Amino acid sequence: MYEYNGNFISIFEELEINMTANVNLQSSKLWQYFEAISAIPRPSKHEKAIIHYLVDFASELKLDYKTDTAGNLLITKPASVNMTNHKPVVLQSHVDMVCEKNADVVHNFFTDPILPYIDGDWVKARGTTLGADDGIGVAAMMAILADNTLEHGPIECLFTVDEETGLTGAFDLAPDFFSGKMLINLDSEDEGELFIGCAGGIDTIASFAYEPVLAWGNYNGYLVSLTGLTGGHSGDDIHKGFGNAIKIMSDFLWESLHRFNIEVHRFEGGNLRNAIPREAFASILVPETSDEEFRFFVDFYREKISTDYSTREPSFSFMADAISMPDTKLSAEFQEKFLEALNQCPNGVIAWSADIDDLVETSTNLASIKFTNGNIIIETSQRSAIDQAKRKLASEVEDVFAMAGAEVSHSDGYPGWTPNPESPLLKITVETYSGLFEIAPKVKAIHAGLECGLFLEKYPGLDMISFGPTIKGVHSPDERLYIPSVDKFWQLLIAVLKKL
């Protein structure tokens, strides 16, 4: 077994010492497992360590398990003595996590543990993503597997891989890997809300081949940096008006190009397709004759960002620091087309649902831009509850970059999950929640992508629901887990399993 050897007080110990009025630690085992898996690096596509840990865990408990060719793991637990005649229920979480950190934080996600700590009623990480998405679901499943005092029918715990960068674990799941006809997905992030549908998605990737040209003449070099934006999940947070670092920086560069005839050396920003980019950096050349005016424009633009985003982005930083003049630059012709394409690329909410209040129907995220090996790679992602709208939007993004000379490709995409308001599993969960907490939960669909749509393709007729504790700032270093919501999540989960 992997042992957690943190050199700081554990979050579980701190919870016991500083127990809030809202936390009674019914979920104590869950917290211990969450802390343990935080020590195990688990970037997407690099989940062998966490899967090995879970296999050891199953072996110690003498539980049956199996893996598939994709790397997914299924651990089964027999029913309680008095519930052997019940049908099996599938619990599902993904084991990988989004790996994002602040630029000033030194952290290797392939080797270093996540360092969780408690801040009031929240668990956070030190300058990185926390991994509660979906580590808290994994921990809950482990706590259920380990606890022989709970009452439940047969349980199949499905741990999927690579959810965050392509859903490949769900894509490659065999249609006979589990037997249950009811599935509870533990990958939602709003306690008190039950999800019965999600958007589908597709990625659009543009690749520009470019040859830098020599930079010469009377220029001053600058590194323009935009940092400290909120970022967030490109599905859950796309409607909240947070700044997209790439869009803001490309607008600044476009304006600077036409005001001062700047030259661009490099322009990079963002990281992951499913995260709103928080940072962007551009190294540029500014004509010496425009230097003072350019610096005034930087100050002006900083104020513009502050005005445009008001209270939504209170912690951003926008700076232009002098650097040595770069040796190369983009050609004038390429630079014009490249920046124009970035500015014309759609971003944000495109359409709202006509059927469900306050639900985004269609959106797109300009996610990342990277210079590598003579190519500039731009990643975007499109989401929609309507497959035709999703593909139409992806085609529009393709047209923008193709017109500028890029080679454009699309991912296979993944299907949405159509809500079923008549779901028997939903009815039981609503009744259970209302009975436990004396308030009815909200039943919703989510604009983010879940693996449920892919499960439904492989297991037609599967009855599904998704719920979880409250997690804010997912896919960013601001990710934080609301402690009081974890106990409610745990109470609901074990009560639903007993009723089923």
Protein backbone atom coordinates (compact mmCIF):
# COMPACT_ATOMS: atom_id res chain seq x y z
CA MET A 1 0.00 0.00 0.00
CA TYR A 2 1.09 3.59 -0.65
CA GLU A 3 1.66 5.39 2.63
CA TYR A 4 1.02 9.12 2.94
CA ASN A 5 4.03 10.78 4.59
CA GLY A 6 3.25 14.50 4.66
CA ASN A 7 5.51 16.72 6.73
CA PHE A 8 2.63 18.92 7.88
CA ILE A 9 -0.43 18.35 10.02
CA SER A 10 -2.90 16.23 8.05
CA ILE A 11 -6.20 17.71 6.99
CA PHE A 12 -7.95 14.87 8.79
CA GLU A 13 -6.15 15.62 12.05
CA GLU A 14 -6.90 19.31 11.63
CA LEU A 15 -10.59 18.56 11.01
CA GLU A 16 -10.70 16.63 14.28
CA ILE A 17 -8.90 19.41 16.17
CA ASN A 18 -10.82 22.34 14.66
CA MET A 19 -14.19 20.73 14.04
CA THR A 20 -16.71 23.30 12.81
CA ALA A 21 -20.33 23.37 13.89
CA ASN A 22 -21.30 22.10 10.44
CA VAL A 23 -19.00 19.07 10.40
CA ASN A 24 -19.51 15.95 12.49
CA LEU A 25 -17.07 13.77 10.58
CA GLN A 26 -19.48 10.99 9.69
CA SER A 27 -17.32 10.97 6.58
CA SER A 28 -14.08 10.43 8.52
CA LYS A 29 -12.94 7.42 6.49
CA LEU A 30 -13.61 9.34 3.30
CA TRP A 31 -11.33 12.17 4.47
CA GLN A 32 -8.54 9.75 5.33
CA TYR A 33 -8.66 8.18 1.89
CA PHE A 34 -8.83 11.57 0.19
CA GLU A 35 -5.69 12.64 2.00
CA ALA A 36 -3.95 9.39 1.10
CA ILE A 37 -4.64 9.65 -2.62
CA SER A 38 -3.55 13.31 -2.60
CA ALA A 39 -0.02 11.99 -2.11
CA ILE A 40 -0.18 9.93 -5.31
CA PRO A 41 0.58 11.80 -8.56
CA ARG A 42 -2.20 11.13 -11.05
CA PRO A 43 -2.09 13.38 -14.12
CA SER A 44 -4.32 12.34 -16.99
CA LYS A 45 -2.79 9.48 -19.01
CA HIS A 46 -0.43 8.75 -16.10
CA GLU A 47 -2.70 6.88 -13.69
CA LYS A 48 -0.69 3.69 -13.14
CA ALA A 49 0.34 4.65 -9.59
CA ILE A 50 -3.21 5.37 -8.41
CA ILE A 51 -4.61 2.25 -10.12
CA HIS A 52 -1.86 0.15 -8.51
CA TYR A 53 -2.75 1.69 -5.14
CA LEU A 54 -6.42 0.81 -5.65
CA VAL A 55 -5.57 -2.75 -6.70
CA ASP A 56 -3.51 -3.18 -3.51
CA PHE A 57 -6.42 -1.72 -1.57
CA ALA A 58 -8.84 -4.26 -3.10
CA SER A 59 -6.42 -7.12 -2.46
CA GLU A 60 -6.05 -6.22 1.21
CA LEU A 61 -9.84 -6.19 1.57
CA LYS A 62 -10.07 -9.50 -0.36
CA LEU A 63 -12.42 -7.93 -2.89
CA ASP A 64 -12.67 -9.07 -6.50
CA TYR A 65 -11.31 -6.69 -9.11
CA LYS A 66 -10.48 -6.55 -12.79
CA THR A 67 -8.94 -4.11 -15.25
CA ASP A 68 -9.48 -3.58 -18.96
CA THR A 69 -7.20 -2.66 -21.85
CA ALA A 70 -7.89 1.06 -21.35
CA GLY A 71 -6.66 0.91 -17.75
CA ASN A 72 -10.07 1.19 -16.05
CA LEU A 73 -10.55 -0.72 -12.80
CA LEU A 74 -13.68 -2.40 -11.41
CA ILE A 75 -13.80 -3.47 -7.76
CA THR A 76 -16.85 -5.42 -6.61
CA LYS A 77 -18.21 -5.78 -3.10
CA PRO A 78 -20.87 -8.33 -2.15
CA ALA A 79 -24.17 -7.24 -0.65
CA SER A 80 -24.77 -6.94 3.06
CA VAL A 81 -26.13 -10.13 4.63
CA ASN A 82 -29.76 -8.98 4.58
CA MET A 83 -29.63 -7.42 1.09
CA THR A 84 -28.32 -10.24 -1.09
CA ASN A 85 -31.47 -10.24 -3.23
CA HIS A 86 -30.92 -6.63 -4.34
CA LYS A 87 -29.68 -5.70 -7.80
CA PRO A 88 -26.11 -4.38 -8.17
CA VAL A 89 -25.46 -0.63 -8.24
CA VAL A 90 -22.47 0.92 -10.03
CA LEU A 91 -20.56 3.76 -8.36
CA GLN A 92 -18.25 5.64 -10.72
CA SER A 93 -15.47 8.23 -10.47
CA HIS A 94 -12.43 9.08 -12.57
CA VAL A 95 -8.99 8.74 -11.01
CA ASP A 96 -7.08 11.40 -12.99
CA MET A 97 -6.92 15.09 -12.13
CA VAL A 98 -6.34 18.39 -13.90
CA CYS A 99 -2.78 19.58 -13.26
CA GLU A 100 -2.69 23.37 -13.07
CA LYS A 101 -0.45 25.59 -10.96
CA ASN A 102 0.37 29.24 -10.56
CA ALA A 103 3.38 30.42 -12.55
CA ASP A 104 5.38 31.19 -9.40
CA VAL A 105 4.82 27.75 -7.85
CA VAL A 106 7.44 25.00 -8.19
CA HIS A 107 5.58 21.70 -8.47
CA ASN A 108 6.10 18.55 -10.55
CA PHE A 109 2.73 16.86 -10.97
CA PHE A 110 4.43 13.62 -12.05
CA THR A 111 6.40 13.22 -8.83
CA ASP A 112 5.18 15.63 -6.13
CA PRO A 113 2.23 15.12 -3.79
CA ILE A 114 -0.63 17.58 -3.64
CA LEU A 115 -0.43 19.50 -0.37
CA PRO A 116 -3.98 20.03 0.95
CA TYR A 117 -4.66 22.39 3.83
CA ILE A 118 -7.69 23.80 5.61
CA ASP A 119 -8.73 27.43 5.26
CA GLY A 120 -11.88 28.01 7.31
CA ASP A 121 -14.59 25.74 5.91
CA TRP A 122 -12.60 24.93 2.78
CA VAL A 123 -9.86 22.46 1.83
CA LYS A 124 -7.41 23.96 -0.65
CA ALA A 125 -4.01 23.08 -2.16
CA ARG A 126 -0.80 25.07 -2.02
CA GLY A 127 -0.67 26.85 -5.38
CA THR A 128 -1.99 23.91 -7.42
CA THR A 129 -5.23 22.23 -8.29
CA LEU A 130 -6.52 20.21 -5.35
CA GLY A 131 -7.70 17.11 -7.22
CA ALA A 132 -11.06 16.97 -5.43
CA ASP A 133 -12.30 16.65 -9.01
CA ASP A 134 -12.65 13.69 -8.82
CA GLY A 135 -10.52 12.54 -5.91
CA ILE A 136 -13.39 13.06 -3.48
CA GLY A 137 -15.50 10.61 -5.47
CA VAL A 138 -12.67 8.07 -5.49
CA ALA A 139 -12.28 8.48 -1.73
CA ALA A 140 -16.02 7.99 -1.13
CA MET A 141 -15.98 4.75 -3.12
CA MET A 142 -12.98 3.51 -1.14
CA ALA A 143 -14.71 4.34 2.15
CA ILE A 144 -17.78 2.34 1.08
CA LEU A 145 -15.68 -0.61 -0.04
CA ALA A 146 -13.79 -0.65 3.27
CA ASP A 147 -16.77 -0.25 5.63
CA ASN A 148 -18.53 -3.51 6.48
CA THR A 149 -21.06 -1.78 8.77
CA LEU A 150 -22.93 -0.16 5.86
CA GLU A 151 -26.12 -1.70 4.47
CA HIS A 152 -26.25 -2.06 0.71
CA GLY A 153 -26.86 -4.43 -2.16
CA PRO A 154 -24.08 -5.64 -4.46
CA ILE A 155 -21.77 -2.76 -5.41
CA GLU A 156 -19.54 -2.37 -8.45
CA CYS A 157 -17.03 0.48 -8.13
CA LEU A 158 -15.84 1.70 -11.52
CA PHE A 159 -12.65 3.78 -11.53
CA THR A 160 -12.07 5.29 -14.98
CA VAL A 161 -8.90 6.80 -16.41
CA ASP A 162 -8.13 9.87 -18.52
CA GLU A 163 -11.45 11.65 -18.10
CA GLU A 164 -9.95 15.12 -18.13
CA THR A 165 -8.04 14.98 -21.44
CA GLY A 166 -10.26 12.95 -23.70
CA LEU A 167 -12.61 10.62 -21.78
CA THR A 168 -10.59 7.75 -23.22
CA GLY A 169 -11.32 5.44 -20.30
CA ALA A 170 -15.05 5.79 -20.90
CA PHE A 171 -14.60 5.70 -24.69
CA ASP A 172 -12.73 2.39 -24.52
CA LEU A 173 -14.81 0.77 -21.79
CA ALA A 174 -16.04 -2.66 -22.83
CA PRO A 175 -19.86 -3.02 -23.03
CA ASP A 176 -19.77 -5.97 -20.60
CA PHE A 177 -17.29 -4.61 -18.04
CA PHE A 178 -19.95 -4.15 -15.32
CA SER A 179 -23.38 -5.70 -14.80
CA GLY A 180 -25.38 -3.10 -12.85
CA LYS A 181 -28.35 -1.34 -14.46
CA MET A 182 -28.15 1.70 -12.18
CA LEU A 183 -25.09 3.99 -12.04
CA ILE A 184 -24.28 6.82 -9.64
CA ASN A 185 -21.64 9.16 -11.02
CA LEU A 186 -19.75 11.00 -8.24
CA ASP A 187 -18.24 13.73 -10.41
CA SER A 188 -20.59 16.66 -9.76
CA GLU A 189 -19.59 19.76 -7.84
CA ASP A 190 -22.69 21.35 -6.28
CA GLU A 191 -24.12 19.79 -3.12
CA GLY A 192 -27.90 19.93 -3.09
CA GLU A 193 -28.11 19.52 -6.86
CA LEU A 194 -28.80 16.26 -8.68
CA PHE A 195 -27.70 16.08 -12.29
CA ILE A 196 -29.50 14.01 -14.90
CA GLY A 197 -27.99 15.37 -18.12
CA CYS A 198 -24.86 16.96 -19.56
CA ALA A 199 -23.51 18.57 -22.71
CA GLY A 200 -21.53 16.80 -25.39
CA GLY A 201 -18.23 18.18 -26.59
CA ILE A 202 -15.62 18.27 -29.33
CA ASP A 203 -12.14 19.75 -29.60
CA THR A 204 -10.90 21.83 -32.53
CA ILE A 205 -7.14 22.11 -32.92
CA ALA A 206 -5.42 24.57 -35.30
CA SER A 207 -1.78 24.19 -36.28
CA PHE A 208 0.16 27.00 -37.96
CA ALA A 209 3.50 26.14 -39.54
CA TYR A 210 5.76 29.18 -39.33
CA GLU A 211 9.34 30.18 -39.97
CA PRO A 212 10.67 32.99 -37.77
CA VAL A 213 12.55 35.76 -39.51
CA LEU A 214 15.53 37.69 -38.21
CA ALA A 215 14.74 40.72 -36.08
CA TRP A 216 16.73 43.82 -36.82
CA GLY A 217 16.34 47.56 -36.48
CA ASN A 218 15.79 49.96 -33.59
CA TYR A 219 13.48 48.08 -31.24
CA ASN A 220 13.15 47.51 -27.51
CA GLY A 221 12.20 44.09 -26.22
CA TYR A 222 9.31 43.54 -23.79
CA LEU A 223 7.74 40.57 -22.08
CA VAL A 224 4.04 41.27 -21.66
CA SER A 225 2.42 39.07 -19.01
CA LEU A 226 -1.18 38.64 -17.94
CA THR A 227 -1.53 36.53 -14.78
CA GLY A 228 -3.82 36.05 -11.81
CA LEU A 229 -7.08 35.58 -13.69
CA THR A 230 -9.65 33.28 -12.13
CA GLY A 231 -9.75 30.68 -14.89
CA GLY A 232 -11.96 27.73 -14.03
CA HIS A 233 -13.82 24.92 -15.76
CA SER A 234 -14.66 25.61 -19.38
CA GLY A 235 -18.09 24.05 -18.88
CA ASP A 236 -19.15 24.95 -15.35
CA ASP A 237 -17.68 28.46 -15.36
CA ILE A 238 -17.93 29.59 -18.99
CA HIS A 239 -20.98 31.78 -18.26
CA LYS A 240 -19.52 33.58 -15.25
CA GLY A 241 -17.76 36.30 -17.20
CA PHE A 242 -14.21 35.46 -16.14
CA GLY A 243 -11.44 36.75 -18.36
CA ASN A 244 -9.86 34.52 -21.00
CA ALA A 245 -6.15 35.37 -20.90
CA ILE A 246 -5.57 34.48 -24.56
CA LYS A 247 -8.46 36.61 -25.82
CA ILE A 248 -7.40 39.58 -23.69
CA MET A 249 -3.75 39.32 -24.73
CA SER A 250 -4.55 38.83 -28.42
CA ASP A 251 -6.71 41.97 -28.33
CA PHE A 252 -3.86 43.90 -26.70
CA LEU A 253 -1.38 42.68 -29.31
CA TRP A 254 -3.77 43.47 -32.16
CA GLU A 255 -4.25 47.01 -30.86
CA SER A 256 -0.50 47.42 -30.31
CA LEU A 257 0.27 46.17 -33.79
CA HIS A 258 -1.88 48.84 -35.39
CA ARG A 259 -0.94 51.62 -32.99
CA PHE A 260 2.83 51.11 -32.73
CA ASN A 261 3.83 48.55 -35.40
CA ILE A 262 5.07 46.09 -32.80
CA GLU A 263 6.58 42.76 -33.84
CA VAL A 264 5.68 39.50 -32.07
CA HIS A 265 8.38 37.03 -31.14
CA ARG A 266 6.27 34.49 -29.16
CA PHE A 267 2.79 34.37 -27.70
CA GLU A 268 1.72 31.54 -25.40
CA GLY A 269 -1.06 31.04 -22.91
CA GLY A 270 -3.37 28.53 -21.29
CA ASN A 271 -2.69 24.87 -20.77
CA LEU A 272 -5.65 22.48 -20.92
CA ARG A 273 -8.58 22.34 -23.33
CA ASN A 274 -11.14 22.13 -20.51
CA ALA A 275 -9.79 25.06 -18.48
CA ILE A 276 -10.37 28.75 -19.10
CA PRO A 277 -6.83 30.15 -19.57
CA ARG A 278 -5.65 32.17 -16.57
CA GLU A 279 -2.27 33.32 -17.90
CA ALA A 280 -0.74 34.49 -21.17
CA PHE A 281 2.73 35.76 -22.09
CA ALA A 282 4.02 37.54 -25.20
CA SER A 283 7.56 38.59 -26.03
CA ILE A 284 7.46 41.48 -28.47
CA LEU A 285 9.58 44.16 -30.13
CA VAL A 286 8.49 47.79 -29.82
CA PRO A 287 9.96 50.50 -32.09
CA GLU A 288 12.19 52.80 -30.05
CA THR A 289 10.29 55.82 -31.36
CA SER A 290 7.05 54.46 -29.83
CA ASP A 291 8.50 53.21 -26.57
CA GLU A 292 7.11 55.85 -24.22
CA GLU A 293 3.71 55.86 -25.88
CA PHE A 294 3.61 52.06 -25.69
CA ARG A 295 4.28 52.07 -21.94
CA PHE A 296 1.43 54.55 -21.48
CA PHE A 297 -0.78 52.21 -23.51
CA VAL A 298 0.10 49.31 -21.18
CA ASP A 299 -1.12 51.39 -18.23
CA PHE A 300 -4.25 52.32 -20.15
CA TYR A 301 -4.94 48.71 -21.06
CA ARG A 302 -4.47 47.59 -17.47
CA GLU A 303 -7.21 50.01 -16.46
CA LYS A 304 -9.36 48.75 -19.33
CA ILE A 305 -9.10 45.17 -18.05
CA SER A 306 -9.95 46.36 -14.55
CA THR A 307 -13.01 48.22 -15.84
CA ASP A 308 -14.17 45.45 -18.18
CA TYR A 309 -13.98 42.74 -15.53
CA SER A 310 -14.66 44.80 -12.42
CA THR A 311 -15.16 42.51 -9.39
CA ARG A 312 -14.93 39.32 -11.47
CA GLU A 313 -11.13 39.52 -11.75
CA PRO A 314 -9.85 41.28 -8.61
CA SER A 315 -6.38 39.67 -8.59
CA PHE A 316 -5.11 39.97 -12.16
CA SER A 317 -1.70 41.42 -13.04
CA PHE A 318 -0.86 42.97 -16.41
CA MET A 319 2.76 44.00 -16.90
CA ALA A 320 5.25 44.82 -19.66
CA ASP A 321 8.83 44.21 -18.49
CA ALA A 322 11.88 45.20 -20.52
CA ILE A 323 13.92 42.27 -21.88
CA SER A 324 16.77 41.87 -24.33
CA MET A 325 15.65 42.33 -27.90
CA PRO A 326 14.68 38.91 -29.33
CA ASP A 327 16.73 37.65 -32.27
CA THR A 328 13.71 36.56 -34.31
CA LYS A 329 10.11 37.53 -34.92
CA LEU A 330 7.06 36.44 -36.87
CA SER A 331 6.89 37.71 -40.43
CA ALA A 332 4.66 40.76 -40.90
CA GLU A 333 2.22 38.91 -43.17
CA PHE A 334 1.91 35.88 -40.88
CA GLN A 335 1.63 38.00 -37.75
CA GLU A 336 -1.34 39.91 -39.18
CA LYS A 337 -3.29 36.77 -40.12
CA PHE A 338 -2.38 34.97 -36.89
CA LEU A 339 -3.52 37.74 -34.53
CA GLU A 340 -6.62 38.46 -36.59
CA ALA A 341 -7.66 34.79 -36.35
CA LEU A 342 -7.22 34.79 -32.57
CA ASN A 343 -9.34 37.91 -32.29
CA GLN A 344 -12.07 36.55 -34.55
CA CYS A 345 -12.21 33.14 -32.88
CA PRO A 346 -15.51 32.87 -30.98
CA ASN A 347 -15.26 32.39 -27.25
CA GLY A 348 -17.69 32.02 -24.36
CA VAL A 349 -21.44 31.40 -24.29
CA ILE A 350 -23.01 31.08 -27.74
CA ALA A 351 -26.56 30.06 -26.79
CA TRP A 352 -28.69 29.45 -23.69
CA SER A 353 -31.09 26.54 -23.26
CA ALA A 354 -34.67 27.26 -24.26
CA ASP A 355 -35.92 24.45 -22.01
CA ILE A 356 -33.97 24.76 -18.74
CA ASP A 357 -33.52 28.07 -16.93
CA ASP A 358 -29.97 29.37 -16.48
CA LEU A 359 -28.40 26.48 -18.42
CA VAL A 360 -25.85 27.19 -21.14
CA GLU A 361 -26.75 25.25 -24.26
CA THR A 362 -23.72 25.94 -26.45
CA SER A 363 -20.28 27.42 -25.75
CA THR A 364 -16.68 27.44 -26.89
CA ASN A 365 -13.37 27.98 -25.10
CA LEU A 366 -10.15 29.29 -26.65
CA ALA A 367 -8.07 27.14 -24.36
CA SER A 368 -4.35 27.26 -25.17
CA ILE A 369 -1.70 28.47 -27.57
CA LYS A 370 1.80 26.98 -27.69
CA PHE A 371 4.87 27.47 -29.86
CA THR A 372 6.65 24.18 -30.54
CA ASN A 373 9.01 22.81 -33.20
CA GLY A 374 8.16 25.31 -35.93
CA ASN A 375 4.43 25.09 -35.24
CA ILE A 376 1.93 27.13 -33.29
CA ILE A 377 -0.73 24.86 -31.80
CA ILE A 378 -4.05 26.40 -30.75
CA GLU A 379 -6.53 24.25 -28.84
CA THR A 380 -10.21 25.07 -28.48
CA SER A 381 -13.19 23.11 -27.17
CA GLN A 382 -16.86 23.33 -28.09
CA ARG A 383 -19.76 22.10 -25.94
CA SER A 384 -23.47 21.80 -26.58
CA ALA A 385 -26.51 19.87 -25.45
CA ILE A 386 -27.42 19.69 -29.15
CA ASP A 387 -25.08 17.63 -31.32
CA GLN A 388 -25.80 19.65 -34.48
CA ALA A 389 -25.04 22.93 -32.68
CA LYS A 390 -21.80 21.52 -31.30
CA ARG A 391 -20.57 20.47 -34.75
CA LYS A 392 -21.72 23.69 -36.41
CA LEU A 393 -19.76 25.73 -33.88
CA ALA A 394 -16.69 23.54 -34.35
CA SER A 395 -16.96 24.17 -38.09
CA GLU A 396 -17.12 27.94 -37.51
CA VAL A 397 -13.98 27.82 -35.37
CA GLU A 398 -12.29 25.74 -38.07
CA ASP A 399 -13.18 28.32 -40.73
CA VAL A 400 -11.60 31.16 -38.73
CA PHE A 401 -8.23 29.43 -38.48
CA ALA A 402 -8.31 27.77 -41.92
CA MET A 403 -8.82 31.20 -43.53
CA ALA A 404 -5.59 32.29 -41.82
CA GLY A 405 -3.71 29.31 -43.27
CA ALA A 406 -3.83 26.81 -40.40
CA GLU A 407 -4.28 23.07 -40.65
CA VAL A 408 -7.33 22.25 -38.55
CA SER A 409 -8.42 18.95 -37.03
CA HIS A 410 -11.18 17.81 -34.69
CA SER A 411 -11.34 15.21 -31.96
CA ASP A 412 -13.91 12.43 -32.20
CA GLY A 413 -16.02 14.29 -29.67
CA TYR A 414 -18.26 12.76 -27.05
CA PRO A 415 -22.05 12.58 -26.75
CA GLY A 416 -24.26 14.43 -24.34
CA TRP A 417 -26.49 12.77 -21.78
CA THR A 418 -30.18 13.41 -22.43
CA PRO A 419 -32.13 13.99 -19.19
CA ASN A 420 -34.68 11.40 -18.08
CA PRO A 421 -37.01 13.10 -15.56
CA GLU A 422 -38.85 9.76 -15.05
CA SER A 423 -35.73 7.96 -13.81
CA PRO A 424 -36.52 5.58 -10.88
CA LEU A 425 -33.04 6.25 -9.49
CA LEU A 426 -33.73 9.99 -9.56
CA LYS A 427 -37.03 9.51 -7.71
CA ILE A 428 -35.37 7.50 -4.93
CA THR A 429 -32.53 10.01 -4.61
CA VAL A 430 -34.86 13.02 -4.44
CA GLU A 431 -36.96 11.30 -1.76
CA THR A 432 -33.84 10.33 0.20
CA TYR A 433 -32.35 13.81 0.07
CA SER A 434 -35.63 15.44 1.13
CA GLY A 435 -35.99 13.03 4.02
CA LEU A 436 -32.44 13.57 5.25
CA PHE A 437 -32.22 17.34 4.98
CA GLU A 438 -35.87 18.49 4.97
CA ILE A 439 -35.42 20.38 1.73
CA ALA A 440 -35.88 19.24 -1.85
CA PRO A 441 -32.74 19.04 -4.00
CA LYS A 442 -32.54 20.84 -7.31
CA VAL A 443 -32.69 18.57 -10.35
CA LYS A 444 -30.57 19.94 -13.18
CA ALA A 445 -28.55 19.30 -16.28
CA ILE A 446 -24.94 20.49 -16.48
CA HIS A 447 -23.06 22.19 -19.28
CA ALA A 448 -19.84 20.39 -18.39
CA GLY A 449 -19.15 16.99 -19.91
CA LEU A 450 -19.58 13.81 -17.89
CA GLU A 451 -18.74 10.25 -18.83
CA CYS A 452 -22.42 9.31 -18.52
CA GLY A 453 -23.18 9.98 -22.18
CA LEU A 454 -20.57 7.43 -23.22
CA PHE A 455 -21.80 4.88 -20.68
CA LEU A 456 -25.31 5.23 -22.09
CA GLU A 457 -24.03 4.48 -25.60
CA LYS A 458 -22.46 1.23 -24.41
CA TYR A 459 -25.18 0.30 -21.91
CA PRO A 460 -28.54 1.38 -23.40
CA GLY A 461 -31.22 1.72 -20.74
CA LEU A 462 -28.73 2.42 -17.96
CA ASP A 463 -30.41 4.49 -15.23
CA MET A 464 -28.00 7.21 -14.07
CA ILE A 465 -27.68 10.15 -11.76
CA SER A 466 -24.74 12.35 -10.73
CA PHE A 467 -24.11 14.17 -7.46
CA GLY A 468 -21.24 15.27 -5.25
CA PRO A 469 -20.08 17.79 -2.64
CA THR A 470 -19.46 21.46 -3.38
CA ILE A 471 -16.20 22.16 -5.19
CA LYS A 472 -15.35 25.63 -6.48
CA GLY A 473 -12.64 26.81 -8.88
CA VAL A 474 -12.15 23.41 -10.49
CA HIS A 475 -9.43 23.11 -13.14
CA SER A 476 -7.54 26.02 -11.52
CA PRO A 477 -5.21 26.53 -8.54
CA ASP A 478 -8.18 28.13 -6.82
CA GLU A 479 -9.90 24.73 -6.59
CA ARG A 480 -11.39 24.29 -3.13
CA LEU A 481 -13.66 21.76 -1.43
CA TYR A 482 -16.40 22.90 0.98
CA ILE A 483 -16.01 20.82 4.14
CA PRO A 484 -19.64 20.89 5.44
CA SER A 485 -20.90 19.65 2.07
CA VAL A 486 -18.79 16.49 2.23
CA ASP A 487 -20.71 15.05 5.18
CA LYS A 488 -24.02 15.73 3.42
CA PHE A 489 -22.70 14.10 0.26
CA TRP A 490 -21.62 11.06 2.28
CA GLN A 491 -24.92 10.78 4.17
CA LEU A 492 -26.88 10.95 0.91
CA LEU A 493 -24.72 8.35 -0.81
CA ILE A 494 -24.96 5.70 1.91
CA ALA A 495 -28.68 6.36 2.43
CA VAL A 496 -29.41 5.96 -1.29
CA LEU A 497 -27.42 2.72 -1.41
CA LYS A 498 -29.43 1.38 1.51
CA LYS A 499 -32.77 2.34 -0.11
CA LEU A 500 -31.84 0.88 -3.48
